[in-house]
Amino acid sequence: MSGKRAARLSPDERRAQLVAIGLDMLTDRSLDELSTDDVARRAGISRGLLFHYFDSKRDFYRAVVQQECDDFVAATEPDPSLGPVPWLRSFIAGFVRYVLEHRRVYLALVRGAAGSHPRWRTSSTRPGPPSPGGWRRGSAGSGCRTRRGWPSPPAPGRRSRRRR
């Protein structure tokens, strides 16, 4: 830590600052490479103070991923008054726009999700977009909430009954 003293921020402001620094750092590194030491250094605080705002490194990572997930949901949320086809078109357009505008962070999170959780692992080494079900369940264990307007998946072990 440098000799210069960090500005005094409220707990919510400091927490938001640390998450924003973490998101910014994801543009040039993976989630696994995100160092809490580097985050604290960029914020001008000690590593110990970072853990005053987050219980653990995992809690910090979860906050960073949750913020990006919330941004993703906000950027892709279609107008609920749209019919099914325009709703889907709006969602896809928002998804593509979001990925193009946040490509490096998106790839960092998708790659992090693929490496961090057995459910996300595939035989392919090329990253791809998560399935809608994957985003609902959360990226990298983030606990992303179910998108509004999407039906909940059936309970594990139960098949949905459809009439033909």
N, C-alpha and C. Protein backbone atom coordinates (compact mmCIF):
# COMPACT_ATOMS: atom_id res chain seq x y z
N MET A 1 0.85 -1.18 0.00
CA MET A 1 0.00 0.00 0.00
C MET A 1 0.88 1.23 0.00
N SER A 2 0.52 2.23 -0.75
CA SER A 2 1.31 3.46 -0.83
C SER A 2 1.10 4.30 0.42
N GLY A 3 1.91 5.32 0.57
CA GLY A 3 1.83 6.19 1.74
C GLY A 3 0.63 7.12 1.73
N LYS A 4 -0.07 7.21 0.59
CA LYS A 4 -1.21 8.12 0.53
C LYS A 4 -2.43 7.47 1.16
N ARG A 5 -3.19 8.24 1.86
CA ARG A 5 -4.35 7.74 2.60
C ARG A 5 -5.60 7.73 1.71
N ALA A 6 -6.39 6.67 1.87
CA ALA A 6 -7.61 6.52 1.08
C ALA A 6 -8.67 7.50 1.57
N ALA A 7 -9.50 7.94 0.63
CA ALA A 7 -10.61 8.82 1.00
C ALA A 7 -11.60 8.05 1.86
N ARG A 8 -12.21 8.73 2.79
CA ARG A 8 -13.17 8.09 3.67
C ARG A 8 -14.52 8.01 2.96
N LEU A 9 -14.97 6.79 2.78
CA LEU A 9 -16.24 6.54 2.12
C LEU A 9 -17.17 5.82 3.09
N SER A 10 -18.47 5.95 2.84
CA SER A 10 -19.42 5.18 3.64
C SER A 10 -19.22 3.70 3.32
N PRO A 11 -19.67 2.80 4.18
CA PRO A 11 -19.50 1.37 3.89
C PRO A 11 -20.11 0.95 2.54
N ASP A 12 -21.30 1.45 2.22
CA ASP A 12 -21.92 1.11 0.95
C ASP A 12 -21.13 1.66 -0.23
N GLU A 13 -20.61 2.89 -0.10
CA GLU A 13 -19.81 3.48 -1.17
C GLU A 13 -18.51 2.71 -1.36
N ARG A 14 -17.86 2.32 -0.26
CA ARG A 14 -16.60 1.58 -0.36
C ARG A 14 -16.83 0.20 -0.98
N ARG A 15 -17.89 -0.44 -0.56
CA ARG A 15 -18.21 -1.77 -1.10
C ARG A 15 -18.47 -1.66 -2.62
N ALA A 16 -19.24 -0.64 -3.01
CA ALA A 16 -19.52 -0.43 -4.44
C ALA A 16 -18.23 -0.11 -5.20
N GLN A 17 -17.35 0.66 -4.60
CA GLN A 17 -16.08 1.00 -5.23
C GLN A 17 -15.25 -0.27 -5.46
N LEU A 18 -15.17 -1.12 -4.46
CA LEU A 18 -14.38 -2.34 -4.58
C LEU A 18 -14.95 -3.28 -5.65
N VAL A 19 -16.26 -3.39 -5.70
CA VAL A 19 -16.90 -4.22 -6.73
C VAL A 19 -16.63 -3.63 -8.11
N ALA A 20 -16.73 -2.31 -8.25
CA ALA A 20 -16.46 -1.65 -9.54
C ALA A 20 -15.01 -1.88 -9.98
N ILE A 21 -14.08 -1.82 -9.04
CA ILE A 21 -12.68 -2.09 -9.37
C ILE A 21 -12.53 -3.54 -9.83
N GLY A 22 -13.17 -4.46 -9.14
CA GLY A 22 -13.13 -5.86 -9.53
C GLY A 22 -13.67 -6.07 -10.94
N LEU A 23 -14.80 -5.44 -11.25
CA LEU A 23 -15.37 -5.55 -12.60
C LEU A 23 -14.43 -4.95 -13.64
N ASP A 24 -13.83 -3.82 -13.33
CA ASP A 24 -12.90 -3.19 -14.25
C ASP A 24 -11.70 -4.10 -14.51
N MET A 25 -11.23 -4.76 -13.48
CA MET A 25 -10.06 -5.64 -13.62
C MET A 25 -10.39 -6.90 -14.42
N LEU A 26 -11.67 -7.26 -14.50
CA LEU A 26 -12.06 -8.43 -15.29
C LEU A 26 -11.91 -8.21 -16.79
N THR A 27 -11.68 -6.97 -17.21
CA THR A 27 -11.50 -6.72 -18.64
C THR A 27 -10.18 -7.27 -19.16
N ASP A 28 -9.21 -7.53 -18.25
CA ASP A 28 -7.93 -8.05 -18.72
C ASP A 28 -7.44 -9.28 -17.97
N ARG A 29 -8.32 -9.92 -17.20
CA ARG A 29 -7.95 -11.15 -16.51
C ARG A 29 -9.19 -11.96 -16.19
N SER A 30 -8.99 -13.22 -15.88
CA SER A 30 -10.11 -14.09 -15.55
C SER A 30 -10.50 -13.89 -14.09
N LEU A 31 -11.64 -14.43 -13.73
CA LEU A 31 -12.10 -14.33 -12.35
C LEU A 31 -11.12 -15.00 -11.40
N ASP A 32 -10.55 -16.13 -11.80
CA ASP A 32 -9.57 -16.82 -10.98
C ASP A 32 -8.30 -16.00 -10.78
N GLU A 33 -7.99 -15.12 -11.71
CA GLU A 33 -6.79 -14.29 -11.63
C GLU A 33 -7.04 -12.95 -10.93
N LEU A 34 -8.27 -12.71 -10.54
CA LEU A 34 -8.62 -11.45 -9.87
C LEU A 34 -8.04 -11.48 -8.46
N SER A 35 -7.09 -10.62 -8.20
CA SER A 35 -6.38 -10.61 -6.92
C SER A 35 -6.97 -9.56 -5.97
N THR A 36 -7.31 -10.01 -4.78
CA THR A 36 -7.82 -9.06 -3.79
C THR A 36 -6.72 -8.08 -3.37
N ASP A 37 -5.48 -8.50 -3.44
CA ASP A 37 -4.36 -7.59 -3.14
C ASP A 37 -4.34 -6.44 -4.15
N ASP A 38 -4.50 -6.78 -5.44
CA ASP A 38 -4.52 -5.75 -6.49
C ASP A 38 -5.73 -4.84 -6.36
N VAL A 39 -6.87 -5.41 -6.03
CA VAL A 39 -8.09 -4.61 -5.85
C VAL A 39 -7.89 -3.61 -4.71
N ALA A 40 -7.39 -4.10 -3.59
CA ALA A 40 -7.16 -3.22 -2.43
C ALA A 40 -6.15 -2.13 -2.78
N ARG A 41 -5.09 -2.50 -3.48
CA ARG A 41 -4.06 -1.53 -3.87
C ARG A 41 -4.67 -0.44 -4.75
N ARG A 42 -5.49 -0.82 -5.73
CA ARG A 42 -6.12 0.17 -6.60
C ARG A 42 -7.10 1.06 -5.85
N ALA A 43 -7.71 0.52 -4.80
CA ALA A 43 -8.64 1.32 -3.99
C ALA A 43 -7.90 2.19 -2.97
N GLY A 44 -6.62 1.93 -2.78
CA GLY A 44 -5.84 2.70 -1.81
C GLY A 44 -6.12 2.28 -0.37
N ILE A 45 -6.48 1.00 -0.18
CA ILE A 45 -6.74 0.49 1.16
C ILE A 45 -5.92 -0.77 1.37
N SER A 46 -5.89 -1.25 2.62
CA SER A 46 -5.19 -2.49 2.90
C SER A 46 -6.07 -3.68 2.53
N ARG A 47 -5.43 -4.82 2.31
CA ARG A 47 -6.18 -6.05 2.01
C ARG A 47 -7.09 -6.40 3.18
N GLY A 48 -6.62 -6.16 4.39
CA GLY A 48 -7.43 -6.44 5.58
C GLY A 48 -8.72 -5.62 5.60
N LEU A 49 -8.63 -4.36 5.15
CA LEU A 49 -9.83 -3.52 5.11
C LEU A 49 -10.82 -4.03 4.06
N LEU A 50 -10.31 -4.58 2.96
CA LEU A 50 -11.21 -5.15 1.97
C LEU A 50 -12.05 -6.24 2.62
N PHE A 51 -11.42 -7.03 3.51
CA PHE A 51 -12.16 -8.11 4.17
C PHE A 51 -13.03 -7.61 5.32
N HIS A 52 -12.98 -6.34 5.59
CA HIS A 52 -13.96 -5.73 6.50
C HIS A 52 -15.31 -5.61 5.78
N TYR A 53 -15.25 -5.41 4.47
CA TYR A 53 -16.46 -5.24 3.66
C TYR A 53 -16.97 -6.55 3.06
N PHE A 54 -16.10 -7.54 2.95
CA PHE A 54 -16.47 -8.85 2.41
C PHE A 54 -15.93 -9.91 3.35
N ASP A 55 -16.74 -10.92 3.64
CA ASP A 55 -16.35 -11.94 4.59
C ASP A 55 -15.19 -12.81 4.11
N SER A 56 -15.08 -12.98 2.80
CA SER A 56 -14.04 -13.84 2.24
C SER A 56 -13.77 -13.43 0.80
N LYS A 57 -12.75 -14.03 0.23
CA LYS A 57 -12.45 -13.79 -1.17
C LYS A 57 -13.63 -14.26 -2.03
N ARG A 58 -14.20 -15.39 -1.67
CA ARG A 58 -15.35 -15.92 -2.39
C ARG A 58 -16.54 -14.96 -2.31
N ASP A 59 -16.75 -14.35 -1.14
CA ASP A 59 -17.83 -13.37 -0.97
C ASP A 59 -17.59 -12.16 -1.87
N PHE A 60 -16.33 -11.72 -1.98
CA PHE A 60 -15.99 -10.62 -2.87
C PHE A 60 -16.28 -11.02 -4.32
N TYR A 61 -15.81 -12.19 -4.74
CA TYR A 61 -16.06 -12.67 -6.10
C TYR A 61 -17.56 -12.75 -6.37
N ARG A 62 -18.30 -13.24 -5.41
CA ARG A 62 -19.75 -13.37 -5.57
C ARG A 62 -20.37 -11.99 -5.79
N ALA A 63 -19.92 -10.98 -5.06
CA ALA A 63 -20.46 -9.63 -5.21
C ALA A 63 -20.13 -9.07 -6.59
N VAL A 64 -18.92 -9.33 -7.08
CA VAL A 64 -18.52 -8.85 -8.40
C VAL A 64 -19.38 -9.51 -9.48
N VAL A 65 -19.53 -10.83 -9.40
CA VAL A 65 -20.31 -11.55 -10.40
C VAL A 65 -21.78 -11.17 -10.30
N GLN A 66 -22.29 -10.99 -9.09
CA GLN A 66 -23.70 -10.60 -8.92
C GLN A 66 -23.97 -9.24 -9.55
N GLN A 67 -23.03 -8.30 -9.38
CA GLN A 67 -23.21 -6.98 -9.98
C GLN A 67 -23.26 -7.08 -11.50
N GLU A 68 -22.37 -7.87 -12.07
CA GLU A 68 -22.37 -8.03 -13.53
C GLU A 68 -23.64 -8.75 -13.99
N CYS A 69 -24.08 -9.72 -13.21
CA CYS A 69 -25.31 -10.43 -13.53
C CYS A 69 -26.50 -9.47 -13.49
N ASP A 70 -26.56 -8.62 -12.48
CA ASP A 70 -27.64 -7.64 -12.39
C ASP A 70 -27.61 -6.69 -13.58
N ASP A 71 -26.41 -6.28 -13.99
CA ASP A 71 -26.28 -5.41 -15.17
C ASP A 71 -26.76 -6.13 -16.43
N PHE A 72 -26.41 -7.42 -16.53
CA PHE A 72 -26.85 -8.23 -17.67
C PHE A 72 -28.37 -8.32 -17.71
N VAL A 73 -28.98 -8.61 -16.59
CA VAL A 73 -30.45 -8.74 -16.54
C VAL A 73 -31.10 -7.42 -16.90
N ALA A 74 -30.58 -6.31 -16.38
CA ALA A 74 -31.16 -5.00 -16.70
C ALA A 74 -31.01 -4.66 -18.19
N ALA A 75 -29.89 -5.05 -18.78
CA ALA A 75 -29.64 -4.74 -20.19
C ALA A 75 -30.45 -5.60 -21.14
N THR A 76 -30.89 -6.75 -20.69
CA THR A 76 -31.59 -7.68 -21.59
C THR A 76 -33.07 -7.81 -21.27
N GLU A 77 -33.57 -7.11 -20.27
CA GLU A 77 -34.96 -7.23 -19.85
C GLU A 77 -35.89 -6.59 -20.86
N PRO A 78 -36.68 -7.40 -21.59
CA PRO A 78 -37.62 -6.84 -22.57
C PRO A 78 -38.82 -6.21 -21.88
N ASP A 79 -39.55 -5.43 -22.63
CA ASP A 79 -40.79 -4.83 -22.15
C ASP A 79 -41.78 -5.96 -21.87
N PRO A 80 -42.28 -6.08 -20.64
CA PRO A 80 -43.18 -7.20 -20.31
C PRO A 80 -44.51 -7.16 -21.07
N SER A 81 -44.85 -6.02 -21.66
CA SER A 81 -46.12 -5.94 -22.39
C SER A 81 -46.03 -6.51 -23.80
N LEU A 82 -44.82 -6.87 -24.24
CA LEU A 82 -44.65 -7.43 -25.59
C LEU A 82 -45.21 -8.84 -25.67
N GLY A 83 -45.62 -9.20 -26.86
CA GLY A 83 -46.04 -10.57 -27.11
C GLY A 83 -44.83 -11.49 -27.11
N PRO A 84 -45.04 -12.80 -27.18
CA PRO A 84 -43.92 -13.75 -27.07
C PRO A 84 -42.82 -13.56 -28.12
N VAL A 85 -43.16 -13.41 -29.38
CA VAL A 85 -42.13 -13.29 -30.42
C VAL A 85 -41.39 -11.96 -30.31
N PRO A 86 -42.08 -10.81 -30.19
CA PRO A 86 -41.34 -9.56 -30.01
C PRO A 86 -40.54 -9.56 -28.70
N TRP A 87 -41.06 -10.20 -27.67
CA TRP A 87 -40.33 -10.29 -26.38
C TRP A 87 -39.02 -11.02 -26.58
N LEU A 88 -39.08 -12.16 -27.27
CA LEU A 88 -37.88 -12.95 -27.52
C LEU A 88 -36.89 -12.19 -28.40
N ARG A 89 -37.39 -11.52 -29.44
CA ARG A 89 -36.51 -10.72 -30.31
C ARG A 89 -35.83 -9.61 -29.51
N SER A 90 -36.59 -8.96 -28.64
CA SER A 90 -36.03 -7.90 -27.80
C SER A 90 -34.96 -8.45 -26.87
N PHE A 91 -35.23 -9.61 -26.27
CA PHE A 91 -34.25 -10.23 -25.38
C PHE A 91 -32.96 -10.57 -26.14
N ILE A 92 -33.11 -11.19 -27.31
CA ILE A 92 -31.93 -11.58 -28.10
C ILE A 92 -31.13 -10.35 -28.52
N ALA A 93 -31.82 -9.30 -28.95
CA ALA A 93 -31.12 -8.06 -29.33
C ALA A 93 -30.38 -7.48 -28.14
N GLY A 94 -31.02 -7.48 -26.97
CA GLY A 94 -30.36 -6.99 -25.76
C GLY A 94 -29.17 -7.85 -25.37
N PHE A 95 -29.31 -9.15 -25.51
CA PHE A 95 -28.23 -10.08 -25.19
C PHE A 95 -27.02 -9.82 -26.08
N VAL A 96 -27.27 -9.74 -27.40
CA VAL A 96 -26.18 -9.51 -28.35
C VAL A 96 -25.52 -8.16 -28.09
N ARG A 97 -26.32 -7.13 -27.87
CA ARG A 97 -25.79 -5.79 -27.59
C ARG A 97 -24.93 -5.82 -26.32
N TYR A 98 -25.43 -6.48 -25.29
CA TYR A 98 -24.69 -6.57 -24.02
C TYR A 98 -23.34 -7.27 -24.22
N VAL A 99 -23.35 -8.41 -24.92
CA VAL A 99 -22.11 -9.16 -25.12
C VAL A 99 -21.12 -8.35 -25.95
N LEU A 100 -21.60 -7.65 -26.99
CA LEU A 100 -20.70 -6.83 -27.79
C LEU A 100 -20.11 -5.67 -26.99
N GLU A 101 -20.90 -5.06 -26.12
CA GLU A 101 -20.42 -3.92 -25.33
C GLU A 101 -19.55 -4.34 -24.14
N HIS A 102 -19.75 -5.56 -23.63
CA HIS A 102 -19.03 -6.04 -22.44
C HIS A 102 -18.30 -7.35 -22.73
N ARG A 103 -17.79 -7.48 -23.93
CA ARG A 103 -17.24 -8.74 -24.39
C ARG A 103 -16.21 -9.35 -23.45
N ARG A 104 -15.24 -8.57 -23.03
CA ARG A 104 -14.13 -9.11 -22.23
C ARG A 104 -14.61 -9.57 -20.86
N VAL A 105 -15.48 -8.79 -20.22
CA VAL A 105 -16.00 -9.20 -18.91
C VAL A 105 -16.89 -10.42 -19.08
N TYR A 106 -17.73 -10.42 -20.11
CA TYR A 106 -18.61 -11.55 -20.37
C TYR A 106 -17.79 -12.83 -20.55
N LEU A 107 -16.74 -12.76 -21.38
CA LEU A 107 -15.90 -13.94 -21.60
C LEU A 107 -15.18 -14.36 -20.33
N ALA A 108 -14.72 -13.40 -19.54
CA ALA A 108 -14.05 -13.74 -18.28
C ALA A 108 -14.99 -14.50 -17.36
N LEU A 109 -16.24 -14.07 -17.31
CA LEU A 109 -17.21 -14.74 -16.43
C LEU A 109 -17.62 -16.10 -16.98
N VAL A 110 -17.82 -16.20 -18.28
CA VAL A 110 -18.19 -17.49 -18.87
C VAL A 110 -17.05 -18.48 -18.70
N ARG A 111 -15.84 -18.04 -18.95
CA ARG A 111 -14.68 -18.93 -18.76
C ARG A 111 -14.53 -19.29 -17.29
N GLY A 112 -14.74 -18.33 -16.42
CA GLY A 112 -14.65 -18.61 -14.98
C GLY A 112 -15.70 -19.61 -14.55
N ALA A 113 -16.90 -19.46 -15.09
CA ALA A 113 -17.99 -20.38 -14.75
C ALA A 113 -17.66 -21.78 -15.25
N ALA A 114 -17.08 -21.86 -16.43
CA ALA A 114 -16.76 -23.17 -16.99
C ALA A 114 -15.68 -23.87 -16.18
N GLY A 115 -14.78 -23.11 -15.59
CA GLY A 115 -13.71 -23.73 -14.84
C GLY A 115 -14.01 -23.94 -13.38
N SER A 116 -15.01 -23.28 -12.86
CA SER A 116 -15.25 -23.29 -11.43
C SER A 116 -16.31 -24.27 -10.97
N HIS A 117 -17.17 -24.70 -11.86
CA HIS A 117 -18.30 -25.51 -11.43
C HIS A 117 -18.46 -26.71 -12.36
N PRO A 118 -18.56 -27.92 -11.80
CA PRO A 118 -18.65 -29.11 -12.65
C PRO A 118 -19.82 -29.08 -13.63
N ARG A 119 -20.93 -28.47 -13.27
CA ARG A 119 -22.10 -28.41 -14.14
C ARG A 119 -21.79 -27.67 -15.43
N TRP A 120 -20.86 -26.72 -15.37
CA TRP A 120 -20.55 -25.88 -16.53
C TRP A 120 -19.47 -26.48 -17.41
N ARG A 121 -18.76 -27.50 -16.94
CA ARG A 121 -17.66 -28.05 -17.71
C ARG A 121 -18.19 -28.81 -18.93
N THR A 122 -17.49 -28.62 -20.04
CA THR A 122 -17.84 -29.34 -21.26
C THR A 122 -16.56 -29.89 -21.84
N SER A 123 -16.69 -30.73 -22.83
CA SER A 123 -15.50 -31.28 -23.48
C SER A 123 -14.88 -30.25 -24.42
N SER A 124 -15.60 -29.23 -24.77
CA SER A 124 -15.10 -28.20 -25.67
C SER A 124 -14.24 -27.21 -24.91
N THR A 125 -13.17 -26.73 -25.54
CA THR A 125 -12.34 -25.72 -24.90
C THR A 125 -12.75 -24.33 -25.33
N ARG A 126 -13.63 -24.21 -26.31
CA ARG A 126 -14.09 -22.91 -26.76
C ARG A 126 -15.23 -22.44 -25.87
N PRO A 127 -15.14 -21.20 -25.36
CA PRO A 127 -16.25 -20.71 -24.54
C PRO A 127 -17.45 -20.40 -25.41
N GLY A 128 -18.60 -20.59 -24.88
CA GLY A 128 -19.81 -20.27 -25.59
C GLY A 128 -20.78 -19.62 -24.63
N PRO A 129 -21.84 -19.06 -25.15
CA PRO A 129 -22.80 -18.41 -24.26
C PRO A 129 -23.50 -19.45 -23.40
N PRO A 130 -23.80 -19.10 -22.17
CA PRO A 130 -24.53 -20.04 -21.33
C PRO A 130 -25.95 -20.19 -21.85
N SER A 131 -26.54 -21.32 -21.56
CA SER A 131 -27.93 -21.51 -21.93
C SER A 131 -28.80 -20.63 -21.05
N PRO A 132 -30.02 -20.31 -21.48
CA PRO A 132 -30.88 -19.52 -20.61
C PRO A 132 -31.03 -20.14 -19.24
N GLY A 133 -31.08 -21.47 -19.16
CA GLY A 133 -31.17 -22.13 -17.87
C GLY A 133 -29.92 -21.89 -17.04
N GLY A 134 -28.77 -21.82 -17.71
CA GLY A 134 -27.51 -21.56 -17.01
C GLY A 134 -27.50 -20.18 -16.38
N TRP A 135 -27.97 -19.19 -17.11
CA TRP A 135 -28.00 -17.84 -16.53
C TRP A 135 -28.99 -17.77 -15.39
N ARG A 136 -30.10 -18.50 -15.51
CA ARG A 136 -31.06 -18.47 -14.42
C ARG A 136 -30.46 -19.04 -13.15
N ARG A 137 -29.69 -20.12 -13.30
CA ARG A 137 -29.11 -20.75 -12.12
C ARG A 137 -27.94 -19.95 -11.59
N GLY A 138 -27.32 -19.15 -12.41
CA GLY A 138 -26.25 -18.29 -11.95
C GLY A 138 -24.93 -18.64 -12.60
N SER A 139 -24.15 -17.62 -12.85
CA SER A 139 -22.84 -17.79 -13.44
C SER A 139 -21.82 -17.86 -12.34
N ALA A 140 -20.98 -18.86 -12.37
CA ALA A 140 -19.91 -19.04 -11.39
C ALA A 140 -20.44 -19.04 -9.97
N GLY A 141 -21.58 -19.61 -9.77
CA GLY A 141 -22.14 -19.70 -8.42
C GLY A 141 -22.62 -18.37 -7.89
N SER A 142 -22.98 -17.47 -8.79
CA SER A 142 -23.31 -16.11 -8.36
C SER A 142 -24.68 -15.99 -7.70
N GLY A 143 -25.54 -16.95 -7.93
CA GLY A 143 -26.89 -16.85 -7.36
C GLY A 143 -27.74 -15.87 -8.13
N CYS A 144 -27.51 -15.73 -9.46
CA CYS A 144 -28.35 -14.84 -10.25
C CYS A 144 -29.79 -15.25 -10.11
N ARG A 145 -30.64 -14.30 -10.00
CA ARG A 145 -32.06 -14.59 -9.81
C ARG A 145 -32.71 -14.95 -11.13
N THR A 146 -33.78 -15.71 -11.07
CA THR A 146 -34.52 -16.08 -12.26
C THR A 146 -35.04 -14.83 -12.94
N ARG A 147 -34.89 -14.81 -14.26
CA ARG A 147 -35.39 -13.66 -15.03
C ARG A 147 -36.90 -13.63 -14.92
N ARG A 148 -37.44 -12.46 -14.77
CA ARG A 148 -38.89 -12.32 -14.74
C ARG A 148 -39.47 -12.72 -16.07
N GLY A 149 -40.58 -13.42 -16.04
CA GLY A 149 -41.26 -13.80 -17.26
C GLY A 149 -40.88 -15.18 -17.77
N TRP A 150 -39.80 -15.78 -17.23
CA TRP A 150 -39.43 -17.12 -17.65
C TRP A 150 -40.04 -18.11 -16.69
N PRO A 151 -40.57 -19.20 -17.21
CA PRO A 151 -41.14 -20.19 -16.30
C PRO A 151 -40.05 -20.84 -15.48
N SER A 152 -40.38 -21.23 -14.27
CA SER A 152 -39.42 -21.94 -13.42
C SER A 152 -39.24 -23.35 -13.97
N PRO A 153 -38.02 -23.89 -13.87
CA PRO A 153 -37.80 -25.24 -14.36
C PRO A 153 -38.52 -26.25 -13.47
N PRO A 154 -38.86 -27.42 -14.02
CA PRO A 154 -39.51 -28.42 -13.17
C PRO A 154 -38.56 -28.88 -12.08
N ALA A 155 -39.11 -29.37 -10.99
CA ALA A 155 -38.29 -29.86 -9.88
C ALA A 155 -37.41 -31.01 -10.37
N PRO A 156 -36.19 -31.14 -9.82
CA PRO A 156 -35.30 -32.22 -10.26
C PRO A 156 -35.99 -33.58 -10.13
N GLY A 157 -35.80 -34.39 -11.16
CA GLY A 157 -36.37 -35.73 -11.13
C GLY A 157 -37.81 -35.80 -11.60
N ARG A 158 -38.42 -34.65 -11.86
CA ARG A 158 -39.81 -34.64 -12.32
C ARG A 158 -39.85 -34.11 -13.74
N ARG A 159 -40.65 -34.72 -14.54
CA ARG A 159 -40.82 -34.26 -15.92
C ARG A 159 -42.09 -33.45 -16.01
N SER A 160 -42.01 -32.41 -16.82
CA SER A 160 -43.24 -31.65 -17.03
C SER A 160 -44.16 -32.44 -17.94
N ARG A 161 -45.42 -32.34 -17.72
CA ARG A 161 -46.40 -33.08 -18.52
C ARG A 161 -46.98 -32.13 -19.56
N ARG A 162 -46.82 -32.50 -20.80
CA ARG A 162 -47.35 -31.70 -21.90
C ARG A 162 -48.36 -32.54 -22.65
N ARG A 163 -49.40 -31.89 -23.06
CA ARG A 163 -50.40 -32.57 -23.90
C ARG A 163 -49.98 -32.42 -25.33
N ARG A 164 -50.16 -33.47 -26.07
CA ARG A 164 -49.78 -33.43 -27.49
C ARG A 164 -50.98 -33.37 -28.36
